[in-house]
Amino acid sequence: MGDEPLVLMEEMTSKEIRDRVAAGFRTAIIPMGSIEAHGEHLPINTDSVVSRRLSELVAKRLGKALVAHTLPFGHAPRTQFAGTISIPVETVLDVLRAYLGALHRDGFDTVVLIPMHAENFQTLALFSPMLAMEFPDMKLIPSLDVASMIESRNAIAAEHEITSEEAGWHAGAAETSEMLAIDPDLVRMPDAHRGYLGPSGFGRSLPETMRDGWAVLDPHGVMGDPTRSTPEFGRDVLNRLADDLASLARGATESKEAE
């Protein structure tokens, strides 16, 4: 395991977790992913892989924080390709409730939620106030919104001479680069191809995708150009997002302590 302290709870024993909490590790980070097709070049657990790695980076920046097990499923109604598993929003919320209850029992008082799937961002935006009311003794930090994440990605893309359209928002250059930085063996670059480069659904309504899925924009569900991907771009994006999220978490925690 090396000399670096563990931050992933899934790799720790129950005693190690209990001892860390007793030593002041009271912040838990929940990565939120999905099981969803990401073109023909990325695995269906891409969102989970990225959110888990990003959560690790945030935990190390925060110090006394641990990464809870990745919540691997999400609501993915617009991805109708093979391998995709979409679960109802109500089920996502029920799992989060059980999760938060377990963390509260174990002594955690702050939970940072890090989604890397659009519908998970939307679920948290709508329902995190309700969850906070159900767990008044815990500070819930629902992470960046999806627009802020994409803005940060696009800023880094420009530094790498990649356009925002090429960076994309689903299996494009940004997401593919992140996966190259995390685990290049999971990326099938020979199968990567340029996808939809039009306006994103975050800037305008895309009702056609709600009716017929992402395939109406690109037959493989790629939003961006993964052929422009590099691991350097991916590392820079992950570090920028980790910095942003750690700063957000610190600010929320300090405001809680000041109350």
Foldseek 3Di string as FASTA:
>chain_A
DDDDDAQEVVPDDPVVLLVLLVVPLQEEEEEEFAQAFFFPWFHSQLFQLLSQVLRVLLCVVQDSYHYYHYRRHEADLQGPDPRGDHDDLVVVVVVVLVVVVVSVVSRHAEYEYHGLDQRLLVSCVPCVVVVCVVVVSHHYHDADHPVVLLVLLQVLCVVVVHHSQQCFRGNHQQSLLLCCLRPVVRTDLVRFAAFARDDDCVVDPDVVSSVNHCCVRPVRNHRHGNNSHHNVSSVVSSVSRSVVRSVSRVVSVVVVVVD
